[in-house]
PDB file of N, CA and C in Angstrom:
ATOM      1  N   MET A   1     -45.044  -7.556 142.910  1.00  0.00           N
ATOM      2  CA  MET A   1     -44.836  -6.517 143.991  1.00  0.00           C
ATOM      3  C   MET A   1     -45.626  -5.454 143.788  1.00  0.00           C
ATOM      4  N   GLU A   2     -46.681  -5.144 144.493  1.00  0.00           N
ATOM      5  CA  GLU A   2     -47.395  -4.030 144.311  1.00  0.00           C
ATOM      6  C   GLU A   2     -46.993  -2.890 145.371  1.00  0.00           C
ATOM      7  N   LEU A   3     -47.017  -1.655 144.903  1.00  0.00           N
ATOM      8  CA  LEU A   3     -46.604  -0.191 145.636  1.00  0.00           C
ATOM      9  C   LEU A   3     -47.611   0.119 146.512  1.00  0.00           C
ATOM     10  N   VAL A   4     -48.916  -0.016 146.262  1.00  0.00           N
ATOM     11  CA  VAL A   4     -50.020   0.437 147.066  1.00  0.00           C
ATOM     12  C   VAL A   4     -51.149  -0.567 147.255  1.00  0.00           C
ATOM     13  N   THR A   5     -51.896  -0.695 148.418  1.00  0.00           N
ATOM     14  CA  THR A   5     -52.761  -1.636 148.458  1.00  0.00           C
ATOM     15  C   THR A   5     -54.293  -0.868 148.874  1.00  0.00           C
ATOM     16  N   THR A   6     -55.139  -1.318 148.252  1.00  0.00           N
ATOM     17  CA  THR A   6     -56.368  -0.772 148.345  1.00  0.00           C
ATOM     18  C   THR A   6     -57.323  -1.748 149.180  1.00  0.00           C
ATOM     19  N   GLY A   7     -57.914  -1.016 149.822  1.00  0.00           N
ATOM     20  CA  GLY A   7     -59.085  -1.521 150.662  1.00  0.00           C
ATOM     21  C   GLY A   7     -60.077  -0.439 151.319  1.00  0.00           C
ATOM     22  N   GLU A   8     -60.116  -0.278 152.632  1.00  0.00           N
ATOM     23  CA  GLU A   8     -61.002   0.796 153.244  1.00  0.00           C
ATOM     24  C   GLU A   8     -60.365   2.108 152.791  1.00  0.00           C
ATOM     25  N   ARG A   9     -58.983   2.112 152.637  1.00  0.00           N
ATOM     26  CA  ARG A   9     -58.251   3.371 152.004  1.00  0.00           C
ATOM     27  C   ARG A   9     -57.040   2.888 151.523  1.00  0.00           C
ATOM     28  N   THR A  10     -56.533   3.573 150.593  1.00  0.00           N
ATOM     29  CA  THR A  10     -55.411   3.393 149.888  1.00  0.00           C
ATOM     30  C   THR A  10     -54.149   3.863 150.594  1.00  0.00           C
ATOM     31  N   VAL A  11     -53.298   2.852 150.784  1.00  0.00           N
ATOM     32  CA  VAL A  11     -52.186   3.106 151.454  1.00  0.00           C
ATOM     33  C   VAL A  11     -50.919   2.280 150.722  1.00  0.00           C
ATOM     34  N   PHE A  12     -49.630   2.972 150.995  1.00  0.00           N
ATOM     35  CA  PHE A  12     -48.446   2.171 150.292  1.00  0.00           C
ATOM     36  C   PHE A  12     -48.063   0.988 151.117  1.00  0.00           C
ATOM     37  N   ALA A  13     -47.736   0.132 150.550  1.00  0.00           N
ATOM     38  CA  ALA A  13     -47.282  -1.262 151.041  1.00  0.00           C
ATOM     39  C   ALA A  13     -45.907  -1.206 151.896  1.00  0.00           C
ATOM     40  N   ASP A  14     -46.053  -1.246 153.221  1.00  0.00           N
ATOM     41  CA  ASP A  14     -44.938  -0.919 154.042  1.00  0.00           C
ATOM     42  C   ASP A  14     -43.834  -1.855 154.253  1.00  0.00           C
ATOM     43  N   ASP A  15     -44.235  -2.992 153.397  1.00  0.00           N
ATOM     44  CA  ASP A  15     -43.311  -4.199 153.256  1.00  0.00           C
ATOM     45  C   ASP A  15     -42.447  -4.017 151.992  1.00  0.00           C
ATOM     46  N   VAL A  16     -42.857  -3.060 150.954  1.00  0.00           N
ATOM     47  CA  VAL A  16     -42.270  -3.007 149.897  1.00  0.00           C
ATOM     48  C   VAL A  16     -41.521  -1.591 149.845  1.00  0.00           C
ATOM     49  N   ILE A  17     -42.494  -0.599 150.208  1.00  0.00           N
ATOM     50  CA  ILE A  17     -41.615   0.792 150.166  1.00  0.00           C
ATOM     51  C   ILE A  17     -40.931   1.160 151.445  1.00  0.00           C
ATOM     52  N   LYS A  18     -39.789   1.669 151.307  1.00  0.00           N
ATOM     53  CA  LYS A  18     -38.910   1.876 152.493  1.00  0.00           C
ATOM     54  C   LYS A  18     -38.222   3.170 152.364  1.00  0.00           C
ATOM     55  N   ASN A  19     -37.865   3.787 153.686  1.00  0.00           N
ATOM     56  CA  ASN A  19     -37.077   5.012 153.733  1.00  0.00           C
ATOM     57  C   ASN A  19     -35.450   4.657 152.968  1.00  0.00           C
ATOM     58  N   ARG A  20     -35.058   5.465 152.333  1.00  0.00           N
ATOM     59  CA  ARG A  20     -33.774   5.268 151.666  1.00  0.00           C
ATOM     60  C   ARG A  20     -33.834   4.465 150.378  1.00  0.00           C
ATOM     61  N   GLY A  21     -35.052   4.155 149.961  1.00  0.00           N
ATOM     62  CA  GLY A  21     -35.100   3.635 148.800  1.00  0.00           C
ATOM     63  C   GLY A  21     -35.007   4.621 147.498  1.00  0.00           C
ATOM     64  N   LEU A  22     -34.795   4.143 146.326  1.00  0.00           N
ATOM     65  CA  LEU A  22     -34.270   4.789 145.352  1.00  0.00           C
ATOM     66  C   LEU A  22     -35.662   5.004 144.475  1.00  0.00           C
ATOM     67  N   ILE A  23     -35.895   6.076 143.838  1.00  0.00           N
ATOM     68  CA  ILE A  23     -37.291   6.180 143.041  1.00  0.00           C
ATOM     69  C   ILE A  23     -36.956   6.774 141.776  1.00  0.00           C
ATOM     70  N   ARG A  24     -37.743   6.539 140.809  1.00  0.00           N
ATOM     71  CA  ARG A  24     -37.829   7.386 139.480  1.00  0.00           C
ATOM     72  C   ARG A  24     -39.447   7.513 139.197  1.00  0.00           C
ATOM     73  N   ALA A  25     -39.526   8.950 139.590  1.00  0.00           N
ATOM     74  CA  ALA A  25     -41.081   9.195 139.507  1.00  0.00           C
ATOM     75  C   ALA A  25     -41.582  10.357 138.296  1.00  0.00           C
ATOM     76  N   LYS A  26     -42.746  10.207 137.616  1.00  0.00           N
ATOM     77  CA  LYS A  26     -43.125  11.104 136.840  1.00  0.00           C
ATOM     78  C   LYS A  26     -44.732  11.219 137.002  1.00  0.00           C
ATOM     79  N   HIS A  27     -44.918  12.535 137.467  1.00  0.00           N
ATOM     80  CA  HIS A  27     -46.454  12.790 137.725  1.00  0.00           C
ATOM     81  C   HIS A  27     -46.789  13.017 136.303  1.00  0.00           C
ATOM     82  N   PHE A  28     -48.220  12.752 135.991  1.00  0.00           N
ATOM     83  CA  PHE A  28     -48.839  12.853 134.591  1.00  0.00           C
ATOM     84  C   PHE A  28     -48.743  14.277 134.075  1.00  0.00           C
ATOM     85  N   SER A  29     -48.584  15.290 134.922  1.00  0.00           N
ATOM     86  CA  SER A  29     -48.513  16.756 134.644  1.00  0.00           C
ATOM     87  C   SER A  29     -46.989  17.088 134.357  1.00  0.00           C
ATOM     88  N   TRP A  30     -46.074  16.369 134.622  1.00  0.00           N
ATOM     89  CA  TRP A  30     -44.635  16.684 134.392  1.00  0.00           C
ATOM     90  C   TRP A  30     -44.121  16.419 133.154  1.00  0.00           C
ATOM     91  N   GLU A  31     -43.190  17.115 132.751  1.00  0.00           N
ATOM     92  CA  GLU A  31     -42.493  16.709 131.092  1.00  0.00           C
ATOM     93  C   GLU A  31     -41.617  15.583 131.376  1.00  0.00           C
ATOM     94  N   SER A  32     -40.889  15.238 132.430  1.00  0.00           N
ATOM     95  CA  SER A  32     -39.917  14.464 132.555  1.00  0.00           C
ATOM     96  C   SER A  32     -39.773  13.965 133.777  1.00  0.00           C
ATOM     97  N   PRO A  33     -39.523  12.581 134.162  1.00  0.00           N
ATOM     98  CA  PRO A  33     -39.456  12.107 135.401  1.00  0.00           C
ATOM     99  C   PRO A  33     -38.136  12.790 136.318  1.00  0.00           C
ATOM    100  N   ARG A  34     -38.118  12.441 137.495  1.00  0.00           N
ATOM    101  CA  ARG A  34     -37.408  12.820 138.410  1.00  0.00           C
ATOM    102  C   ARG A  34     -36.985  11.793 139.352  1.00  0.00           C
ATOM    103  N   ASN A  35     -35.650  11.723 139.441  1.00  0.00           N
ATOM    104  CA  ASN A  35     -34.837  10.687 140.136  1.00  0.00           C
ATOM    105  C   ASN A  35     -34.636  11.038 141.704  1.00  0.00           C
ATOM    106  N   GLY A  36     -34.997  10.262 142.698  1.00  0.00           N
ATOM    107  CA  GLY A  36     -34.867  10.815 144.030  1.00  0.00           C
ATOM    108  C   GLY A  36     -34.457   9.747 144.991  1.00  0.00           C
ATOM    109  N   LEU A  37     -34.630  10.018 146.199  1.00  0.00           N
ATOM    110  CA  LEU A  37     -34.353   9.215 147.568  1.00  0.00           C
ATOM    111  C   LEU A  37     -35.471   9.682 148.379  1.00  0.00           C
ATOM    112  N   ILE A  38     -36.042   8.273 148.720  1.00  0.00           N
ATOM    113  CA  ILE A  38     -37.188   8.712 149.712  1.00  0.00           C
ATOM    114  C   ILE A  38     -36.639   8.884 151.172  1.00  0.00           C
ATOM    115  N   VAL A  39     -37.076   9.969 151.742  1.00  0.00           N
ATOM    116  CA  VAL A  39     -36.645  10.419 152.888  1.00  0.00           C
ATOM    117  C   VAL A  39     -37.744  10.153 154.076  1.00  0.00           C
ATOM    118  N   TYR A  40     -38.856   9.804 153.534  1.00  0.00           N
ATOM    119  CA  TYR A  40     -40.249   9.647 154.409  1.00  0.00           C
ATOM    120  C   TYR A  40     -41.034   8.581 153.648  1.00  0.00           C
ATOM    121  N   ALA A  41     -41.394   7.395 154.328  1.00  0.00           N
ATOM    122  CA  ALA A  41     -42.125   6.505 153.643  1.00  0.00           C
ATOM    123  C   ALA A  41     -43.301   6.489 154.838  1.00  0.00           C
ATOM    124  N   GLY A  42     -44.375   6.869 154.451  1.00  0.00           N
ATOM    125  CA  GLY A  42     -45.640   7.007 155.433  1.00  0.00           C
ATOM    126  C   GLY A  42     -46.795   5.931 154.905  1.00  0.00           C
ATOM    127  N   LYS A  43     -47.800   5.674 155.414  1.00  0.00           N
ATOM    128  CA  LYS A  43     -48.978   5.002 154.883  1.00  0.00           C
ATOM    129  C   LYS A  43     -49.351   5.705 153.669  1.00  0.00           C
ATOM    130  N   GLU A  44     -49.676   7.008 153.775  1.00  0.00           N
ATOM    131  CA  GLU A  44     -50.537   7.684 152.866  1.00  0.00           C
ATOM    132  C   GLU A  44     -49.834   8.433 151.754  1.00  0.00           C
ATOM    133  N   PHE A  45     -48.395   8.913 152.203  1.00  0.00           N
ATOM    134  CA  PHE A  45     -47.522   9.697 151.044  1.00  0.00           C
ATOM    135  C   PHE A  45     -46.040   9.255 151.385  1.00  0.00           C
ATOM    136  N   LEU A  46     -45.475   9.438 150.248  1.00  0.00           N
ATOM    137  CA  LEU A  46     -43.989   9.569 150.312  1.00  0.00           C
ATOM    138  C   LEU A  46     -43.351  10.733 149.940  1.00  0.00           C
ATOM    139  N   ARG A  47     -42.062  10.992 150.714  1.00  0.00           N
ATOM    140  CA  ARG A  47     -41.607  12.395 150.428  1.00  0.00           C
ATOM    141  C   ARG A  47     -40.242  11.923 149.847  1.00  0.00           C
ATOM    142  N   VAL A  48     -40.101  12.464 148.650  1.00  0.00           N
ATOM    143  CA  VAL A  48     -38.865  12.114 147.753  1.00  0.00           C
ATOM    144  C   VAL A  48     -37.932  13.756 147.778  1.00  0.00           C
ATOM    145  N   ILE A  49     -36.594  13.362 148.082  1.00  0.00           N
ATOM    146  CA  ILE A  49     -35.625  14.367 147.682  1.00  0.00           C
ATOM    147  C   ILE A  49     -35.004  14.260 146.484  1.00  0.00           C
ATOM    148  N   PHE A  50     -34.781  15.368 145.622  1.00  0.00           N
ATOM    149  CA  PHE A  50     -34.225  15.220 144.386  1.00  0.00           C
ATOM    150  C   PHE A  50     -33.274  16.410 144.093  1.00  0.00           C
ATOM    151  N   LEU A  51     -32.181  16.152 143.437  1.00  0.00           N
ATOM    152  CA  LEU A  51     -31.317  17.425 142.836  1.00  0.00           C
ATOM    153  C   LEU A  51     -32.108  18.234 141.707  1.00  0.00           C
ATOM    154  N   THR A  52     -31.989  19.369 142.058  1.00  0.00           N
ATOM    155  CA  THR A  52     -32.821  20.219 141.060  1.00  0.00           C
ATOM    156  C   THR A  52     -32.150  20.647 139.629  1.00  0.00           C
ATOM    157  N   GLY A  53     -30.780  20.261 139.788  1.00  0.00           N
ATOM    158  CA  GLY A  53     -29.791  20.572 138.753  1.00  0.00           C
ATOM    159  C   GLY A  53     -29.399  22.075 138.706  1.00  0.00           C
ATOM    160  N   VAL A  54     -29.816  22.853 139.696  1.00  0.00           N
ATOM    161  CA  VAL A  54     -29.151  24.097 139.720  1.00  0.00           C
ATOM    162  C   VAL A  54     -28.171  24.295 141.047  1.00  0.00           C
ATOM    163  N   ASN A  55     -27.072  24.296 140.627  1.00  0.00           N
ATOM    164  CA  ASN A  55     -25.944  24.236 141.651  1.00  0.00           C
ATOM    165  C   ASN A  55     -25.815  23.008 142.386  1.00  0.00           C
ATOM    166  N   THR A  56     -26.038  22.995 143.441  1.00  0.00           N
ATOM    167  CA  THR A  56     -26.160  21.818 144.443  1.00  0.00           C
ATOM    168  C   THR A  56     -27.470  21.752 145.366  1.00  0.00           C
ATOM    169  N   SER A  57     -28.282  22.482 144.848  1.00  0.00           N
ATOM    170  CA  SER A  57     -29.634  22.486 145.683  1.00  0.00           C
ATOM    171  C   SER A  57     -30.435  21.396 145.450  1.00  0.00           C
ATOM    172  N   ALA A  58     -31.120  21.238 146.432  1.00  0.00           N
ATOM    173  CA  ALA A  58     -31.940  19.859 146.409  1.00  0.00           C
ATOM    174  C   ALA A  58     -33.594  20.461 146.863  1.00  0.00           C
ATOM    175  N   SER A  59     -34.331  19.672 146.298  1.00  0.00           N
ATOM    176  CA  SER A  59     -35.934  20.088 146.752  1.00  0.00           C
ATOM    177  C   SER A  59     -36.566  18.722 146.935  1.00  0.00           C
ATOM    178  N   TYR A  60     -37.678  18.628 147.424  1.00  0.00           N
ATOM    179  CA  TYR A  60     -38.735  17.437 147.410  1.00  0.00           C
ATOM    180  C   TYR A  60     -39.878  17.575 146.716  1.00  0.00           C
ATOM    181  N   PHE A  61     -40.583  16.262 146.588  1.00  0.00           N
ATOM    182  CA  PHE A  61     -42.095  16.302 146.235  1.00  0.00           C
ATOM    183  C   PHE A  61     -42.588  15.188 147.016  1.00  0.00           C
ATOM    184  N   ASN A  62     -43.878  15.236 147.073  1.00  0.00           N
ATOM    185  CA  ASN A  62     -44.658  14.178 147.717  1.00  0.00           C
ATOM    186  C   ASN A  62     -45.476  13.463 146.836  1.00  0.00           C
ATOM    187  N   ILE A  63     -45.520  12.099 147.166  1.00  0.00           N
ATOM    188  CA  ILE A  63     -46.414  11.202 146.291  1.00  0.00           C
ATOM    189  C   ILE A  63     -47.419  10.649 147.194  1.00  0.00           C
ATOM    190  N   LYS A  64     -48.766  10.870 146.677  1.00  0.00           N
ATOM    191  CA  LYS A  64     -49.671  10.353 147.676  1.00  0.00           C
ATOM    192  C   LYS A  64     -50.177   9.003 147.099  1.00  0.00           C
ATOM    193  N   ALA A  65     -50.608   7.966 147.856  1.00  0.00           N
ATOM    194  CA  ALA A  65     -50.819   6.787 147.561  1.00  0.00           C
ATOM    195  C   ALA A  65     -52.167   6.791 146.810  1.00  0.00           C
ATOM    196  N   SER A  66     -53.156   7.569 146.977  1.00  0.00           N
ATOM    197  CA  SER A  66     -54.354   7.698 146.276  1.00  0.00           C
ATOM    198  C   SER A  66     -54.040   8.170 144.784  1.00  0.00           C
ATOM    199  N   GLU A  67     -52.999   9.014 144.771  1.00  0.00           N
ATOM    200  CA  GLU A  67     -52.821   9.154 143.419  1.00  0.00           C
ATOM    201  C   GLU A  67     -52.122   8.224 142.389  1.00  0.00           C
ATOM    202  N   VAL A  68     -51.320   7.462 143.321  1.00  0.00           N
ATOM    203  CA  VAL A  68     -50.681   6.382 142.445  1.00  0.00           C
ATOM    204  C   VAL A  68     -51.909   5.367 141.998  1.00  0.00           C
ATOM    205  N   ALA A  69     -52.744   5.020 142.972  1.00  0.00           N
ATOM    206  CA  ALA A  69     -53.929   4.049 142.599  1.00  0.00           C
ATOM    207  C   ALA A  69     -54.701   4.892 141.638  1.00  0.00           C
ATOM    208  N   ALA A  70     -54.758   5.893 141.388  1.00  0.00           N
ATOM    209  CA  ALA A  70     -55.644   6.651 140.391  1.00  0.00           C
ATOM    210  C   ALA A  70     -55.074   6.520 139.284  1.00  0.00           C
ATOM    211  N   GLY A  71     -53.676   6.155 139.258  1.00  0.00           N
ATOM    212  CA  GLY A  71     -52.762   6.285 137.719  1.00  0.00           C
ATOM    213  C   GLY A  71     -52.194   7.488 137.359  1.00  0.00           C
ATOM    214  N   GLN A  72     -51.984   8.371 138.415  1.00  0.00           N
ATOM    215  CA  GLN A  72     -51.381   9.781 137.882  1.00  0.00           C
ATOM    216  C   GLN A  72     -49.969   9.582 137.935  1.00  0.00           C
ATOM    217  N   TRP A  73     -49.332   8.705 138.409  1.00  0.00           N
ATOM    218  CA  TRP A  73     -47.850   8.572 138.599  1.00  0.00           C
ATOM    219  C   TRP A  73     -47.035   7.420 137.689  1.00  0.00           C
ATOM    220  N   ASP A  74     -46.187   7.656 137.242  1.00  0.00           N
ATOM    221  CA  ASP A  74     -45.292   6.419 136.642  1.00  0.00           C
ATOM    222  C   ASP A  74     -44.097   6.299 137.642  1.00  0.00           C
ATOM    223  N   ILE A  75     -43.844   5.065 138.139  1.00  0.00           N
ATOM    224  CA  ILE A  75     -42.776   4.912 139.322  1.00  0.00           C
ATOM    225  C   ILE A  75     -41.890   3.558 138.777  1.00  0.00           C
ATOM    226  N   ALA A  76     -40.687   3.746 139.021  1.00  0.00           N
ATOM    227  CA  ALA A  76     -39.844   2.709 139.236  1.00  0.00           C
ATOM    228  C   ALA A  76     -39.089   2.836 140.632  1.00  0.00           C
ATOM    229  N   TYR A  77     -39.236   1.924 141.389  1.00  0.00           N
ATOM    230  CA  TYR A  77     -38.667   1.918 142.850  1.00  0.00           C
ATOM    231  C   TYR A  77     -37.694   0.768 143.031  1.00  0.00           C
ATOM    232  N   THR A  78     -36.780   0.770 143.751  1.00  0.00           N
ATOM    233  CA  THR A  78     -35.927  -0.235 144.255  1.00  0.00           C
ATOM    234  C   THR A  78     -35.427   0.360 145.687  1.00  0.00           C
ATOM    235  N   ALA A  79     -35.211  -0.896 146.400  1.00  0.00           N
ATOM    236  CA  ALA A  79     -34.418  -0.392 147.835  1.00  0.00           C
ATOM    237  C   ALA A  79     -33.177  -1.266 147.820  1.00  0.00           C
ATOM    238  N   ASP A  80     -32.877  -2.212 146.897  1.00  0.00           N
ATOM    239  CA  ASP A  80     -31.685  -2.933 146.926  1.00  0.00           C
ATOM    240  C   ASP A  80     -30.682  -2.656 145.799  1.00  0.00           C
ATOM    241  N   MET A  81     -31.295  -2.022 144.429  1.00  0.00           N
ATOM    242  CA  MET A  81     -30.608  -1.956 143.117  1.00  0.00           C
ATOM    243  C   MET A  81     -30.638  -3.253 142.602  1.00  0.00           C
ATOM    244  N   GLU A  82     -31.394  -4.296 143.159  1.00  0.00           N
ATOM    245  CA  GLU A  82     -31.554  -5.614 142.572  1.00  0.00           C
ATOM    246  C   GLU A  82     -32.713  -5.790 142.031  1.00  0.00           C
ATOM    247  N   ASN A  83     -33.870  -5.429 142.831  1.00  0.00           N
ATOM    248  CA  ASN A  83     -35.200  -5.829 142.568  1.00  0.00           C
ATOM    249  C   ASN A  83     -35.787  -4.357 142.109  1.00  0.00           C
ATOM    250  N   VAL A  84     -36.462  -4.245 140.987  1.00  0.00           N
ATOM    251  CA  VAL A  84     -37.168  -2.895 140.777  1.00  0.00           C
ATOM    252  C   VAL A  84     -38.528  -3.346 140.545  1.00  0.00           C
ATOM    253  N   CYS A  85     -39.300  -2.516 141.147  1.00  0.00           N
ATOM    254  CA  CYS A  85     -40.666  -2.508 141.033  1.00  0.00           C
ATOM    255  C   CYS A  85     -41.276  -1.482 140.069  1.00  0.00           C
ATOM    256  N   LEU A  86     -41.940  -1.663 138.954  1.00  0.00           N
ATOM    257  CA  LEU A  86     -42.469  -0.629 138.118  1.00  0.00           C
ATOM    258  C   LEU A  86     -43.980  -0.626 138.240  1.00  0.00           C
ATOM    259  N   MET A  87     -44.474   0.824 138.102  1.00  0.00           N
ATOM    260  CA  MET A  87     -45.833   0.977 138.177  1.00  0.00           C
ATOM    261  C   MET A  87     -46.159   2.121 137.253  1.00  0.00           C
ATOM    262  N   ARG A  88     -46.853   1.798 136.107  1.00  0.00           N
ATOM    263  CA  ARG A  88     -47.190   2.785 135.104  1.00  0.00           C
ATOM    264  C   ARG A  88     -48.459   3.443 135.364  1.00  0.00           C
ATOM    265  N   SER A  89     -48.592   4.761 134.994  1.00  0.00           N
ATOM    266  CA  SER A  89     -50.078   5.356 134.897  1.00  0.00           C
ATOM    267  C   SER A  89     -50.923   4.791 133.950  1.00  0.00           C
ATOM    268  N   ALA A  90     -52.162   4.859 134.132  1.00  0.00           N
ATOM    269  CA  ALA A  90     -53.046   4.411 132.992  1.00  0.00           C
ATOM    270  C   ALA A  90     -52.802   5.069 131.682  1.00  0.00           C
ATOM    271  N   SER A  91     -52.515   6.334 131.578  1.00  0.00           N
ATOM    272  CA  SER A  91     -52.115   7.020 130.508  1.00  0.00           C
ATOM    273  C   SER A  91     -50.865   6.343 129.745  1.00  0.00           C
ATOM    274  N   ALA A  92     -49.902   6.142 130.414  1.00  0.00           N
ATOM    275  CA  ALA A  92     -48.517   5.573 130.079  1.00  0.00           C
ATOM    276  C   ALA A  92     -48.859   4.103 129.305  1.00  0.00           C
ATOM    277  N   SER A  93     -49.786   3.355 130.285  1.00  0.00           N
ATOM    278  CA  SER A  93     -50.011   1.934 129.651  1.00  0.00           C
ATOM    279  C   SER A  93     -50.703   2.099 128.487  1.00  0.00           C
ATOM    280  N   ASP A  94     -51.778   2.955 128.447  1.00  0.00           N
ATOM    281  CA  ASP A  94     -52.457   3.147 127.087  1.00  0.00           C
ATOM    282  C   ASP A  94     -51.438   3.314 125.760  1.00  0.00           C
ATOM    283  N   LEU A  95     -50.572   4.353 126.244  1.00  0.00           N
ATOM    284  CA  LEU A  95     -49.641   4.687 125.170  1.00  0.00           C
ATOM    285  C   LEU A  95     -48.783   3.492 124.623  1.00  0.00           C
ATOM    286  N   VAL A  96     -48.093   2.878 125.563  1.00  0.00           N
ATOM    287  CA  VAL A  96     -47.462   1.430 125.137  1.00  0.00           C
ATOM    288  C   VAL A  96     -48.214   0.530 124.610  1.00  0.00           C
ATOM    289  N   ALA A  97     -49.455   0.389 124.832  1.00  0.00           N
ATOM    290  CA  ALA A  97     -50.397  -0.572 123.852  1.00  0.00           C
ATOM    291  C   ALA A  97     -50.443  -0.112 122.724  1.00  0.00           C
ATOM    292  N   GLU A  98     -50.893   1.451 122.442  1.00  0.00           N
ATOM    293  CA  GLU A  98     -51.019   1.963 121.142  1.00  0.00           C
ATOM    294  C   GLU A  98     -49.786   1.811 120.451  1.00  0.00           C
ATOM    295  N   VAL A  99     -48.560   1.984 120.893  1.00  0.00           N
ATOM    296  CA  VAL A  99     -47.406   1.941 120.025  1.00  0.00           C
ATOM    297  C   VAL A  99     -46.872   0.493 119.573  1.00  0.00           C
ATOM    298  N   ARG A 100     -47.225  -0.445 120.624  1.00  0.00           N
ATOM    299  CA  ARG A 100     -47.165  -2.034 120.194  1.00  0.00           C
ATOM    300  C   ARG A 100     -48.173  -2.339 119.110  1.00  0.00           C
ATOM    301  N   LYS A 101     -49.327  -1.768 119.057  1.00  0.00           N
ATOM    302  CA  LYS A 101     -50.410  -2.089 118.344  1.00  0.00           C
ATOM    303  C   LYS A 101     -49.746  -1.482 116.782  1.00  0.00           C
ATOM    304  N   LEU A 102     -49.324  -0.189 116.779  1.00  0.00           N
ATOM    305  CA  LEU A 102     -48.922   0.439 115.630  1.00  0.00           C
ATOM    306  C   LEU A 102     -47.663  -0.529 114.835  1.00  0.00           C
ATOM    307  N   PHE A 103     -46.926  -0.764 115.755  1.00  0.00           N
ATOM    308  CA  PHE A 103     -45.694  -1.657 115.102  1.00  0.00           C
ATOM    309  C   PHE A 103     -46.015  -3.021 114.717  1.00  0.00           C
ATOM    310  N   LYS A 104     -47.018  -3.482 115.367  1.00  0.00           N
ATOM    311  CA  LYS A 104     -47.612  -4.917 115.124  1.00  0.00           C
ATOM    312  C   LYS A 104     -48.269  -4.598 113.660  1.00  0.00           C
ATOM    313  N   GLU A 105     -49.165  -3.607 113.371  1.00  0.00           N
ATOM    314  CA  GLU A 105     -49.812  -3.264 112.109  1.00  0.00           C
ATOM    315  C   GLU A 105     -48.863  -2.955 111.045  1.00  0.00           C
ATOM    316  N   GLU A 106     -47.619  -2.291 111.470  1.00  0.00           N
ATOM    317  CA  GLU A 106     -46.535  -2.076 110.170  1.00  0.00           C
ATOM    318  C   GLU A 106     -45.904  -3.121 110.053  1.00  0.00           C
ATOM    319  N   ALA A 107     -45.612  -4.078 110.985  1.00  0.00           N
ATOM    320  CA  ALA A 107     -45.055  -5.323 110.440  1.00  0.00           C
ATOM    321  C   ALA A 107     -45.514  -6.377 109.542  1.00  0.00           C
ATOM    322  N   GLU A 108     -47.014  -6.334 109.894  1.00  0.00           N
ATOM    323  CA  GLU A 108     -47.611  -7.259 108.939  1.00  0.00           C
ATOM    324  C   GLU A 108     -47.685  -6.857 107.579  1.00  0.00           C
ATOM    325  N   PRO A 109     -47.691  -7.799 106.593  1.00  0.00           N
ATOM    326  CA  PRO A 109     -47.674  -7.545 105.135  1.00  0.00           C
ATOM    327  C   PRO A 109     -48.909  -7.346 104.627  1.00  0.00           C
TER     328      PRO A 109
END
């Protein structure tokens, strides 16, 4: 299940991404991910509302399809709490590969 489709322009897959879907997203510039609810699912961007942790206030952030395709976001998305779609940024995938390589080298005598 791909979240974005690339072609003439990069857009979100409307058969996968829906309003009211749950998302855990981390932009490469953030220290930690944010959990939220998709309140707008357009072709070119998503609007996600999340709790800020200060009293009961909420805020939102946008995720652009072009940024997802460029590997700037780590995303876990579900519409039904049964099927989860994961998309990791290029830097996160590189990090996972490096950690696996390190553990493999340590395990070999």
